Amino acid sequence: MIIIVDYGMGNLGSIRNMFSRIGVSSVITGDPAVVARAEKLILPGVGAFDAAMKTLSETGLTEILAQKALVERTPTLGICLGMQLLTRGSEEGVRPGLGWIDAEAKRFPKGEEFKVPHIGWNTVECVGDCPWALPPREEQRFYFVHSYYVQVANEADSLFKTRYGLTFDSGIHHGNIYGFQFHPEKSHKFGMRLFSWFAEI
């Protein structure tokens, strides 16, 4: 059972619809008892870092998510803000993140070269060993909407790199935990491939 975690911040319906398009069932819930039965977890997110961490804590989801991801090693995927929550913290707020991956979310610097937020299609480069069958010579394009980017402390945890004024980690990975800064649910065939991979691991 793929659980899309509902904590009030995310494109939940769009993610479920994309899974439906590839013939995979998923459930949207914020009930910790249901989350505890998940075989795979999606942690979406659109909004402010501190508000998200506050909600996860107040709803009792922080503890059960840690049990699933860190103890039971349930495959877990953070999307956009959900990816940033996997890190130690963000320059956007003061609350600590989940801290499951040694990384930090930073604000894009202001400048004339590029606009903030980063909105629209951009390419990604797979670094290291990508664990799914993306065509090696085909350009991979995904849809982004974000003002903060993630920088890993250990390059072994970097999965994708993207260039937007600077080069940032658009995909991260540590064990069973994954994060994508872009929105697979808005990325057509490219997003369908990634969701198909996640459903099969």
N, C-alpha and C. Protein backbone atom coordinates (compact mmCIF):
# COMPACT_ATOMS: atom_id res chain seq x y z
N MET A 1 0.84 -1.19 0.00
CA MET A 1 0.00 0.00 0.00
C MET A 1 0.88 1.25 0.00
N ILE A 2 0.70 2.10 -1.02
CA ILE A 2 1.41 3.37 -1.08
C ILE A 2 0.57 4.41 -0.36
N ILE A 3 1.16 5.02 0.65
CA ILE A 3 0.48 6.05 1.42
C ILE A 3 1.03 7.42 1.03
N ILE A 4 0.15 8.32 0.63
CA ILE A 4 0.49 9.73 0.41
C ILE A 4 0.12 10.46 1.68
N VAL A 5 1.12 10.96 2.40
CA VAL A 5 0.90 11.51 3.73
C VAL A 5 0.23 12.89 3.64
N ASP A 6 -0.93 13.00 4.28
CA ASP A 6 -1.70 14.24 4.28
C ASP A 6 -1.45 14.98 5.59
N TYR A 7 -0.68 16.06 5.49
CA TYR A 7 -0.50 16.92 6.66
C TYR A 7 -0.89 18.35 6.30
N GLY A 8 -1.75 18.46 5.29
CA GLY A 8 -2.33 19.75 4.93
C GLY A 8 -1.51 20.59 3.98
N MET A 9 -0.41 20.03 3.42
CA MET A 9 0.47 20.83 2.57
C MET A 9 0.98 19.98 1.42
N GLY A 10 0.29 20.00 0.28
CA GLY A 10 0.81 19.23 -0.84
C GLY A 10 -0.21 19.01 -1.93
N ASN A 11 0.29 18.65 -3.11
CA ASN A 11 -0.57 18.34 -4.25
C ASN A 11 -1.01 16.88 -4.18
N LEU A 12 -1.81 16.58 -3.17
CA LEU A 12 -2.14 15.20 -2.89
C LEU A 12 -2.93 14.55 -4.03
N GLY A 13 -3.96 15.24 -4.51
CA GLY A 13 -4.78 14.67 -5.56
C GLY A 13 -4.01 14.46 -6.84
N SER A 14 -3.11 15.38 -7.18
CA SER A 14 -2.31 15.24 -8.40
C SER A 14 -1.39 14.04 -8.33
N ILE A 15 -0.84 13.78 -7.16
CA ILE A 15 0.04 12.62 -6.99
C ILE A 15 -0.76 11.33 -7.13
N ARG A 16 -1.91 11.27 -6.47
CA ARG A 16 -2.75 10.07 -6.57
C ARG A 16 -3.20 9.84 -8.00
N ASN A 17 -3.55 10.93 -8.70
CA ASN A 17 -3.99 10.80 -10.08
C ASN A 17 -2.89 10.26 -10.98
N MET A 18 -1.66 10.68 -10.74
CA MET A 18 -0.55 10.18 -11.55
C MET A 18 -0.33 8.69 -11.30
N PHE A 19 -0.43 8.26 -10.05
CA PHE A 19 -0.33 6.83 -9.77
C PHE A 19 -1.47 6.07 -10.45
N SER A 20 -2.67 6.64 -10.46
CA SER A 20 -3.80 5.99 -11.12
C SER A 20 -3.53 5.83 -12.61
N ARG A 21 -2.89 6.82 -13.22
CA ARG A 21 -2.61 6.77 -14.66
C ARG A 21 -1.67 5.62 -15.01
N ILE A 22 -0.82 5.23 -14.06
CA ILE A 22 0.10 4.12 -14.33
C ILE A 22 -0.42 2.81 -13.74
N GLY A 23 -1.68 2.82 -13.29
CA GLY A 23 -2.30 1.60 -12.81
C GLY A 23 -1.90 1.17 -11.42
N VAL A 24 -1.51 2.14 -10.58
CA VAL A 24 -1.07 1.85 -9.22
C VAL A 24 -2.01 2.54 -8.24
N SER A 25 -2.51 1.79 -7.26
CA SER A 25 -3.40 2.38 -6.26
C SER A 25 -2.60 3.03 -5.15
N SER A 26 -3.15 4.10 -4.60
CA SER A 26 -2.51 4.81 -3.49
C SER A 26 -3.61 5.38 -2.61
N VAL A 27 -3.25 5.68 -1.37
CA VAL A 27 -4.21 6.18 -0.39
C VAL A 27 -3.68 7.47 0.21
N ILE A 28 -4.53 8.47 0.28
CA ILE A 28 -4.20 9.73 0.94
C ILE A 28 -4.72 9.68 2.36
N THR A 29 -3.84 9.88 3.34
CA THR A 29 -4.28 9.87 4.74
C THR A 29 -3.29 10.62 5.63
N GLY A 30 -3.84 11.17 6.71
CA GLY A 30 -3.02 11.76 7.75
C GLY A 30 -3.17 11.02 9.06
N ASP A 31 -3.81 9.86 9.00
CA ASP A 31 -4.04 9.04 10.20
C ASP A 31 -2.79 8.22 10.51
N PRO A 32 -2.12 8.48 11.64
CA PRO A 32 -0.90 7.74 11.97
C PRO A 32 -1.09 6.23 11.98
N ALA A 33 -2.28 5.76 12.36
CA ALA A 33 -2.53 4.31 12.40
C ALA A 33 -2.51 3.71 11.00
N VAL A 34 -2.99 4.45 10.02
CA VAL A 34 -2.98 3.98 8.64
C VAL A 34 -1.58 4.11 8.06
N VAL A 35 -0.91 5.22 8.36
CA VAL A 35 0.47 5.41 7.90
C VAL A 35 1.36 4.28 8.40
N ALA A 36 1.08 3.78 9.59
CA ALA A 36 1.88 2.71 10.18
C ALA A 36 1.81 1.42 9.37
N ARG A 37 0.79 1.27 8.53
CA ARG A 37 0.63 0.05 7.72
C ARG A 37 1.19 0.21 6.31
N ALA A 38 1.80 1.35 6.02
CA ALA A 38 2.27 1.64 4.67
C ALA A 38 3.39 0.70 4.25
N GLU A 39 3.34 0.32 2.97
CA GLU A 39 4.45 -0.42 2.37
C GLU A 39 5.42 0.53 1.68
N LYS A 40 4.91 1.70 1.28
CA LYS A 40 5.72 2.77 0.73
C LYS A 40 5.10 4.09 1.15
N LEU A 41 5.93 5.12 1.29
CA LEU A 41 5.46 6.41 1.76
C LEU A 41 5.83 7.52 0.79
N ILE A 42 4.88 8.43 0.55
CA ILE A 42 5.13 9.66 -0.19
C ILE A 42 4.92 10.82 0.77
N LEU A 43 5.92 11.68 0.92
CA LEU A 43 5.81 12.87 1.76
C LEU A 43 5.83 14.08 0.84
N PRO A 44 4.64 14.58 0.44
CA PRO A 44 4.60 15.74 -0.45
C PRO A 44 4.78 17.03 0.33
N GLY A 45 4.62 18.14 -0.34
CA GLY A 45 4.69 19.39 0.40
C GLY A 45 4.78 20.60 -0.50
N VAL A 46 3.94 21.59 -0.21
CA VAL A 46 4.00 22.90 -0.85
C VAL A 46 3.71 23.91 0.25
N GLY A 47 4.65 24.83 0.50
CA GLY A 47 4.43 25.81 1.55
C GLY A 47 5.67 26.07 2.36
N ALA A 48 5.47 26.47 3.61
CA ALA A 48 6.56 26.92 4.47
C ALA A 48 7.14 25.77 5.30
N PHE A 49 8.44 25.77 5.43
CA PHE A 49 9.16 24.69 6.13
C PHE A 49 8.71 24.57 7.59
N ASP A 50 8.74 25.66 8.34
CA ASP A 50 8.40 25.59 9.77
C ASP A 50 6.96 25.14 9.99
N ALA A 51 6.05 25.63 9.16
CA ALA A 51 4.64 25.24 9.30
C ALA A 51 4.48 23.75 9.06
N ALA A 52 5.22 23.22 8.11
CA ALA A 52 5.13 21.79 7.82
C ALA A 52 5.66 20.96 8.98
N MET A 53 6.81 21.32 9.52
CA MET A 53 7.38 20.58 10.63
C MET A 53 6.49 20.68 11.87
N LYS A 54 5.90 21.82 12.08
CA LYS A 54 4.99 22.01 13.22
C LYS A 54 3.78 21.09 13.09
N THR A 55 3.21 21.02 11.91
CA THR A 55 2.04 20.17 11.70
C THR A 55 2.39 18.69 11.87
N LEU A 56 3.52 18.27 11.31
CA LEU A 56 3.93 16.87 11.47
C LEU A 56 4.08 16.51 12.95
N SER A 57 4.64 17.43 13.72
CA SER A 57 4.83 17.18 15.15
C SER A 57 3.50 17.12 15.90
N GLU A 58 2.64 18.07 15.63
CA GLU A 58 1.39 18.18 16.38
C GLU A 58 0.41 17.05 16.05
N THR A 59 0.52 16.47 14.87
CA THR A 59 -0.39 15.40 14.48
C THR A 59 0.14 14.01 14.84
N GLY A 60 1.33 13.95 15.42
CA GLY A 60 1.91 12.67 15.78
C GLY A 60 2.54 11.92 14.63
N LEU A 61 2.67 12.59 13.49
CA LEU A 61 3.22 11.91 12.32
C LEU A 61 4.74 11.81 12.35
N THR A 62 5.41 12.71 13.03
CA THR A 62 6.88 12.69 13.04
C THR A 62 7.40 11.35 13.55
N GLU A 63 6.83 10.88 14.64
CA GLU A 63 7.32 9.65 15.26
C GLU A 63 7.03 8.43 14.39
N ILE A 64 5.84 8.35 13.85
CA ILE A 64 5.50 7.17 13.05
C ILE A 64 6.27 7.17 11.74
N LEU A 65 6.50 8.34 11.15
CA LEU A 65 7.29 8.41 9.92
C LEU A 65 8.72 7.97 10.18
N ALA A 66 9.27 8.38 11.31
CA ALA A 66 10.63 7.95 11.66
C ALA A 66 10.70 6.44 11.88
N GLN A 67 9.69 5.90 12.52
CA GLN A 67 9.63 4.44 12.73
C GLN A 67 9.62 3.71 11.39
N LYS A 68 8.78 4.20 10.48
CA LYS A 68 8.66 3.55 9.18
C LYS A 68 9.94 3.69 8.36
N ALA A 69 10.48 4.90 8.28
CA ALA A 69 11.62 5.16 7.39
C ALA A 69 12.93 4.66 7.95
N LEU A 70 13.16 4.88 9.24
CA LEU A 70 14.48 4.60 9.82
C LEU A 70 14.58 3.21 10.44
N VAL A 71 13.50 2.71 11.02
CA VAL A 71 13.54 1.42 11.70
C VAL A 71 13.08 0.30 10.76
N GLU A 72 11.90 0.48 10.18
CA GLU A 72 11.36 -0.54 9.28
C GLU A 72 11.93 -0.43 7.86
N ARG A 73 12.60 0.67 7.58
CA ARG A 73 13.23 0.92 6.29
C ARG A 73 12.23 0.82 5.13
N THR A 74 11.06 1.40 5.35
CA THR A 74 10.05 1.50 4.33
C THR A 74 10.51 2.48 3.25
N PRO A 75 10.41 2.12 1.95
CA PRO A 75 10.77 3.08 0.90
C PRO A 75 9.98 4.38 1.06
N THR A 76 10.68 5.49 1.13
CA THR A 76 10.07 6.78 1.44
C THR A 76 10.55 7.81 0.43
N LEU A 77 9.61 8.59 -0.10
CA LEU A 77 9.93 9.60 -1.11
C LEU A 77 9.37 10.95 -0.69
N GLY A 78 10.24 11.95 -0.56
CA GLY A 78 9.83 13.32 -0.31
C GLY A 78 9.82 14.11 -1.60
N ILE A 79 8.76 14.89 -1.84
CA ILE A 79 8.62 15.67 -3.05
C ILE A 79 8.55 17.15 -2.72
N CYS A 80 9.38 17.95 -3.39
CA CYS A 80 9.44 19.41 -3.25
C CYS A 80 9.71 19.77 -1.78
N LEU A 81 8.79 20.44 -1.09
CA LEU A 81 8.99 20.72 0.33
C LEU A 81 9.22 19.44 1.10
N GLY A 82 8.54 18.37 0.70
CA GLY A 82 8.73 17.08 1.36
C GLY A 82 10.17 16.61 1.32
N MET A 83 10.87 16.89 0.22
CA MET A 83 12.30 16.57 0.14
C MET A 83 13.09 17.42 1.12
N GLN A 84 12.78 18.71 1.20
CA GLN A 84 13.51 19.60 2.10
C GLN A 84 13.31 19.21 3.57
N LEU A 85 12.15 18.66 3.88
CA LEU A 85 11.89 18.21 5.26
C LEU A 85 12.78 17.05 5.66
N LEU A 86 13.31 16.31 4.69
CA LEU A 86 14.20 15.19 4.99
C LEU A 86 15.55 15.63 5.52
N THR A 87 15.88 16.91 5.36
CA THR A 87 17.21 17.43 5.70
C THR A 87 17.28 17.86 7.17
N ARG A 88 18.45 18.40 7.53
CA ARG A 88 18.63 18.92 8.90
C ARG A 88 17.80 20.15 9.17
N GLY A 89 17.59 20.96 8.14
CA GLY A 89 16.84 22.20 8.32
C GLY A 89 16.91 23.07 7.09
N SER A 90 16.26 24.24 7.19
CA SER A 90 16.16 25.14 6.05
C SER A 90 16.41 26.58 6.49
N GLU A 91 17.01 27.35 5.60
CA GLU A 91 17.18 28.78 5.85
C GLU A 91 15.85 29.51 5.88
N GLU A 92 14.80 28.84 5.45
CA GLU A 92 13.47 29.45 5.46
C GLU A 92 12.93 29.59 6.87
N GLY A 93 13.35 28.72 7.78
CA GLY A 93 12.78 28.72 9.12
C GLY A 93 13.80 28.43 10.19
N VAL A 94 13.30 28.15 11.39
CA VAL A 94 14.18 27.90 12.54
C VAL A 94 14.00 26.49 13.11
N ARG A 95 12.95 25.83 12.75
CA ARG A 95 12.72 24.48 13.26
C ARG A 95 13.68 23.49 12.60
N PRO A 96 14.12 22.47 13.33
CA PRO A 96 14.93 21.43 12.70
C PRO A 96 14.08 20.58 11.77
N GLY A 97 14.71 20.05 10.72
CA GLY A 97 14.02 19.12 9.84
C GLY A 97 14.02 17.73 10.42
N LEU A 98 13.58 16.77 9.64
CA LEU A 98 13.57 15.39 10.09
C LEU A 98 14.98 14.86 10.29
N GLY A 99 15.94 15.36 9.51
CA GLY A 99 17.34 14.99 9.69
C GLY A 99 17.69 13.60 9.22
N TRP A 100 16.92 13.07 8.29
CA TRP A 100 17.19 11.71 7.80
C TRP A 100 18.31 11.68 6.77
N ILE A 101 18.57 12.82 6.14
CA ILE A 101 19.68 12.95 5.19
C ILE A 101 20.50 14.17 5.58
N ASP A 102 21.81 14.01 5.58
CA ASP A 102 22.71 15.09 5.99
C ASP A 102 22.78 16.13 4.87
N ALA A 103 21.89 17.10 4.96
CA ALA A 103 21.77 18.12 3.93
C ALA A 103 21.07 19.34 4.53
N GLU A 104 21.05 20.43 3.76
CA GLU A 104 20.40 21.66 4.22
C GLU A 104 19.72 22.33 3.05
N ALA A 105 18.57 22.94 3.32
CA ALA A 105 17.87 23.72 2.30
C ALA A 105 18.28 25.18 2.42
N LYS A 106 18.67 25.77 1.29
CA LYS A 106 19.15 27.14 1.27
C LYS A 106 18.35 27.96 0.26
N ARG A 107 18.27 29.27 0.50
CA ARG A 107 17.54 30.14 -0.42
C ARG A 107 18.40 30.47 -1.62
N PHE A 108 17.78 30.46 -2.80
CA PHE A 108 18.49 30.92 -3.98
C PHE A 108 18.93 32.38 -3.78
N PRO A 109 20.16 32.71 -4.14
CA PRO A 109 20.60 34.10 -4.00
C PRO A 109 19.88 35.01 -4.99
N LYS A 110 19.64 36.24 -4.58
CA LYS A 110 19.01 37.20 -5.47
C LYS A 110 20.05 37.69 -6.48
N GLY A 111 19.65 37.82 -7.71
CA GLY A 111 20.57 38.29 -8.73
C GLY A 111 19.83 38.55 -10.03
N GLU A 112 20.54 39.10 -10.98
CA GLU A 112 19.93 39.44 -12.26
C GLU A 112 19.94 38.26 -13.22
N GLU A 113 20.72 37.22 -12.92
CA GLU A 113 20.86 36.11 -13.85
C GLU A 113 19.62 35.23 -13.92
N PHE A 114 18.91 35.12 -12.82
CA PHE A 114 17.75 34.23 -12.80
C PHE A 114 16.74 34.72 -11.76
N LYS A 115 15.49 34.37 -11.99
CA LYS A 115 14.42 34.80 -11.11
C LYS A 115 14.17 33.77 -10.02
N VAL A 116 13.73 34.26 -8.87
CA VAL A 116 13.34 33.41 -7.75
C VAL A 116 11.87 33.72 -7.44
N PRO A 117 11.00 32.71 -7.39
CA PRO A 117 11.31 31.28 -7.37
C PRO A 117 11.67 30.71 -8.74
N HIS A 118 12.26 29.54 -8.71
CA HIS A 118 12.57 28.76 -9.90
C HIS A 118 11.28 28.04 -10.30
N ILE A 119 10.69 28.48 -11.41
CA ILE A 119 9.41 27.91 -11.86
C ILE A 119 9.55 27.47 -13.31
N GLY A 120 9.14 26.24 -13.58
CA GLY A 120 9.08 25.75 -14.95
C GLY A 120 9.90 24.49 -15.15
N TRP A 121 10.04 24.13 -16.42
CA TRP A 121 10.75 22.91 -16.78
C TRP A 121 12.25 23.13 -16.75
N ASN A 122 12.96 22.12 -16.27
CA ASN A 122 14.42 22.17 -16.28
C ASN A 122 14.93 20.73 -16.39
N THR A 123 16.18 20.63 -16.80
CA THR A 123 16.76 19.30 -16.98
C THR A 123 17.45 18.84 -15.70
N VAL A 124 17.57 17.54 -15.55
CA VAL A 124 18.30 16.96 -14.44
C VAL A 124 19.37 16.02 -14.99
N GLU A 125 20.45 15.92 -14.25
CA GLU A 125 21.53 14.99 -14.60
C GLU A 125 21.65 13.97 -13.48
N CYS A 126 21.55 12.71 -13.84
CA CYS A 126 21.69 11.64 -12.86
C CYS A 126 23.17 11.46 -12.52
N VAL A 127 23.49 11.49 -11.25
CA VAL A 127 24.87 11.29 -10.81
C VAL A 127 24.94 10.00 -10.00
N GLY A 128 26.05 9.31 -10.07
CA GLY A 128 26.18 8.06 -9.34
C GLY A 128 25.35 6.97 -9.98
N ASP A 129 24.89 6.04 -9.17
CA ASP A 129 24.12 4.90 -9.65
C ASP A 129 22.64 5.17 -9.50
N CYS A 130 21.98 5.52 -10.59
CA CYS A 130 20.54 5.73 -10.53
C CYS A 130 19.83 4.38 -10.52
N PRO A 131 18.92 4.17 -9.59
CA PRO A 131 18.35 2.83 -9.39
C PRO A 131 17.11 2.54 -10.23
N TRP A 132 16.95 3.22 -11.36
CA TRP A 132 15.81 2.93 -12.21
C TRP A 132 16.23 3.04 -13.67
N ALA A 133 15.37 2.56 -14.53
CA ALA A 133 15.74 2.43 -15.95
C ALA A 133 15.37 3.68 -16.73
N LEU A 134 15.99 4.81 -16.42
CA LEU A 134 15.84 5.99 -17.25
C LEU A 134 16.73 5.85 -18.47
N PRO A 135 16.24 6.19 -19.64
CA PRO A 135 17.09 6.09 -20.83
C PRO A 135 18.36 6.91 -20.66
N PRO A 136 19.53 6.31 -20.79
CA PRO A 136 20.78 6.99 -20.45
C PRO A 136 21.12 8.17 -21.34
N ARG A 137 20.65 8.18 -22.58
CA ARG A 137 21.00 9.26 -23.50
C ARG A 137 19.86 10.23 -23.75
N GLU A 138 18.76 10.01 -23.09
CA GLU A 138 17.61 10.89 -23.28
C GLU A 138 17.61 11.98 -22.23
N GLU A 139 17.41 13.20 -22.66
CA GLU A 139 17.35 14.32 -21.73
C GLU A 139 16.17 14.15 -20.78
N GLN A 140 16.42 14.32 -19.50
CA GLN A 140 15.37 14.18 -18.49
C GLN A 140 14.91 15.56 -18.06
N ARG A 141 13.61 15.84 -18.22
CA ARG A 141 13.08 17.15 -17.91
C ARG A 141 11.95 17.02 -16.89
N PHE A 142 11.98 17.90 -15.90
CA PHE A 142 10.97 17.86 -14.85
C PHE A 142 10.51 19.27 -14.52
N TYR A 143 9.34 19.34 -13.88
CA TYR A 143 8.74 20.64 -13.56
C TYR A 143 9.08 21.04 -12.12
N PHE A 144 9.60 22.26 -11.99
CA PHE A 144 10.05 22.78 -10.69
C PHE A 144 9.21 23.99 -10.27
N VAL A 145 9.01 24.12 -8.96
CA VAL A 145 8.47 25.34 -8.34
C VAL A 145 9.07 25.43 -6.96
N HIS A 146 10.11 26.27 -6.79
CA HIS A 146 10.72 26.37 -5.45
C HIS A 146 11.62 27.59 -5.36
N SER A 147 11.75 28.10 -4.12
CA SER A 147 12.63 29.24 -3.82
C SER A 147 13.85 28.81 -3.03
N TYR A 148 13.84 27.57 -2.53
CA TYR A 148 14.95 27.03 -1.75
C TYR A 148 15.46 25.77 -2.43
N TYR A 149 16.76 25.57 -2.34
CA TYR A 149 17.38 24.40 -2.96
C TYR A 149 18.12 23.61 -1.88
N VAL A 150 18.38 22.34 -2.16
CA VAL A 150 19.05 21.48 -1.19
C VAL A 150 20.51 21.26 -1.58
N GLN A 151 21.35 21.31 -0.58
CA GLN A 151 22.78 21.00 -0.76
C GLN A 151 23.14 19.88 0.21
N VAL A 152 23.61 18.76 -0.32
CA VAL A 152 23.99 17.64 0.54
C VAL A 152 25.38 17.85 1.11
N ALA A 153 25.61 17.28 2.29
CA ALA A 153 26.94 17.33 2.90
C ALA A 153 27.85 16.26 2.32
N ASN A 154 27.25 15.16 1.92
CA ASN A 154 28.00 14.02 1.37
C ASN A 154 27.54 13.78 -0.05
N GLU A 155 28.45 13.91 -1.01
CA GLU A 155 28.07 13.77 -2.41
C GLU A 155 27.49 12.39 -2.73
N ALA A 156 27.79 11.40 -1.90
CA ALA A 156 27.21 10.07 -2.11
C ALA A 156 25.69 10.09 -1.96
N ASP A 157 25.16 11.12 -1.30
CA ASP A 157 23.71 11.24 -1.10
C ASP A 157 23.03 12.01 -2.23
N SER A 158 23.81 12.50 -3.19
CA SER A 158 23.24 13.22 -4.32
C SER A 158 22.83 12.25 -5.41
N LEU A 159 21.63 12.43 -5.93
CA LEU A 159 21.09 11.55 -6.96
C LEU A 159 20.95 12.29 -8.29
N PHE A 160 20.43 13.52 -8.24
CA PHE A 160 20.27 14.36 -9.42
C PHE A 160 20.91 15.72 -9.17
N LYS A 161 21.44 16.32 -10.23
CA LYS A 161 21.92 17.69 -10.21
C LYS A 161 21.14 18.49 -11.24
N THR A 162 20.85 19.75 -10.91
CA THR A 162 20.18 20.66 -11.83
C THR A 162 20.86 22.01 -11.75
N ARG A 163 20.91 22.69 -12.89
CA ARG A 163 21.52 24.02 -12.97
C ARG A 163 20.44 25.08 -13.09
N TYR A 164 20.42 26.01 -12.14
CA TYR A 164 19.58 27.20 -12.23
C TYR A 164 20.29 28.32 -11.50
N GLY A 165 21.13 29.03 -12.22
CA GLY A 165 21.98 30.04 -11.61
C GLY A 165 23.17 29.43 -10.90
N LEU A 166 22.91 28.37 -10.18
CA LEU A 166 23.92 27.56 -9.52
C LEU A 166 23.51 26.10 -9.69
N THR A 167 24.40 25.20 -9.36
CA THR A 167 24.09 23.78 -9.45
C THR A 167 23.64 23.27 -8.08
N PHE A 168 22.48 22.65 -8.03
CA PHE A 168 21.96 22.17 -6.75
C PHE A 168 21.54 20.71 -6.88
N ASP A 169 21.28 20.10 -5.74
CA ASP A 169 20.86 18.70 -5.68
C ASP A 169 19.35 18.62 -5.87
N SER A 170 18.93 18.25 -7.07
CA SER A 170 17.49 18.15 -7.34
C SER A 170 16.93 16.78 -7.00
N GLY A 171 17.81 15.85 -6.66
CA GLY A 171 17.40 14.54 -6.18
C GLY A 171 18.40 14.05 -5.15
N ILE A 172 17.92 13.51 -4.05
CA ILE A 172 18.80 13.00 -3.00
C ILE A 172 18.38 11.59 -2.62
N HIS A 173 19.29 10.88 -1.97
CA HIS A 173 19.05 9.46 -1.72
C HIS A 173 19.96 8.99 -0.61
N HIS A 174 19.40 8.30 0.36
CA HIS A 174 20.20 7.66 1.41
C HIS A 174 19.46 6.40 1.84
N GLY A 175 20.00 5.24 1.43
CA GLY A 175 19.33 3.98 1.76
C GLY A 175 17.97 3.91 1.10
N ASN A 176 16.95 3.72 1.92
CA ASN A 176 15.57 3.60 1.43
C ASN A 176 14.85 4.94 1.32
N ILE A 177 15.57 6.04 1.54
CA ILE A 177 14.96 7.36 1.58
C ILE A 177 15.38 8.16 0.35
N TYR A 178 14.39 8.72 -0.35
CA TYR A 178 14.62 9.47 -1.57
C TYR A 178 13.94 10.83 -1.48
N GLY A 179 14.47 11.80 -2.21
CA GLY A 179 13.82 13.10 -2.30
C GLY A 179 13.99 13.69 -3.69
N PHE A 180 12.92 14.27 -4.23
CA PHE A 180 12.96 14.95 -5.51
C PHE A 180 12.51 16.39 -5.29
N GLN A 181 13.31 17.36 -5.72
CA GLN A 181 12.91 18.75 -5.59
C GLN A 181 11.82 19.12 -6.59
N PHE A 182 11.82 18.47 -7.73
CA PHE A 182 10.83 18.73 -8.76
C PHE A 182 9.52 18.00 -8.45
N HIS A 183 8.53 18.22 -9.30
CA HIS A 183 7.22 17.61 -9.12
C HIS A 183 7.01 16.53 -10.17
N PRO A 184 7.22 15.26 -9.84
CA PRO A 184 6.94 14.20 -10.82
C PRO A 184 5.49 14.20 -11.29
N GLU A 185 4.58 14.56 -10.39
CA GLU A 185 3.15 14.52 -10.74
C GLU A 185 2.78 15.56 -11.79
N LYS A 186 3.67 16.52 -12.06
CA LYS A 186 3.43 17.54 -13.09
C LYS A 186 4.38 17.37 -14.27
N SER A 187 5.10 16.26 -14.32
CA SER A 187 6.19 16.11 -15.29
C SER A 187 5.92 15.06 -16.36
N HIS A 188 4.66 14.78 -16.62
CA HIS A 188 4.26 13.94 -17.74
C HIS A 188 5.00 12.60 -17.77
N LYS A 189 5.54 12.22 -18.93
CA LYS A 189 6.13 10.89 -19.07
C LYS A 189 7.33 10.70 -18.16
N PHE A 190 8.06 11.77 -17.87
CA PHE A 190 9.23 11.65 -17.01
C PHE A 190 8.80 11.32 -15.58
N GLY A 191 7.76 12.00 -15.12
CA GLY A 191 7.25 11.72 -13.79
C GLY A 191 6.62 10.34 -13.69
N MET A 192 5.96 9.91 -14.77
CA MET A 192 5.35 8.58 -14.78
C MET A 192 6.41 7.50 -14.63
N ARG A 193 7.56 7.70 -15.27
CA ARG A 193 8.65 6.73 -15.14
C ARG A 193 9.13 6.63 -13.70
N LEU A 194 9.29 7.78 -13.06
CA LEU A 194 9.79 7.77 -11.68
C LEU A 194 8.77 7.14 -10.72
N PHE A 195 7.49 7.47 -10.90
CA PHE A 195 6.48 6.88 -10.04
C PHE A 195 6.36 5.37 -10.30
N SER A 196 6.53 4.96 -11.54
CA SER A 196 6.50 3.53 -11.85
C SER A 196 7.65 2.81 -11.15
N TRP A 197 8.82 3.41 -11.19
CA TRP A 197 9.99 2.85 -10.48
C TRP A 197 9.70 2.74 -9.00
N PHE A 198 9.18 3.82 -8.39
CA PHE A 198 8.95 3.81 -6.96
C PHE A 198 7.92 2.76 -6.57
N ALA A 199 6.91 2.58 -7.40
CA ALA A 199 5.88 1.58 -7.10
C ALA A 199 6.41 0.17 -7.13
N GLU A 200 7.51 -0.05 -7.87
CA GLU A 200 8.02 -1.41 -8.07
C GLU A 200 9.14 -1.79 -7.11
N ILE A 201 9.75 -0.84 -6.43
CA ILE A 201 10.88 -1.19 -5.56
C ILE A 201 10.39 -1.89 -4.31
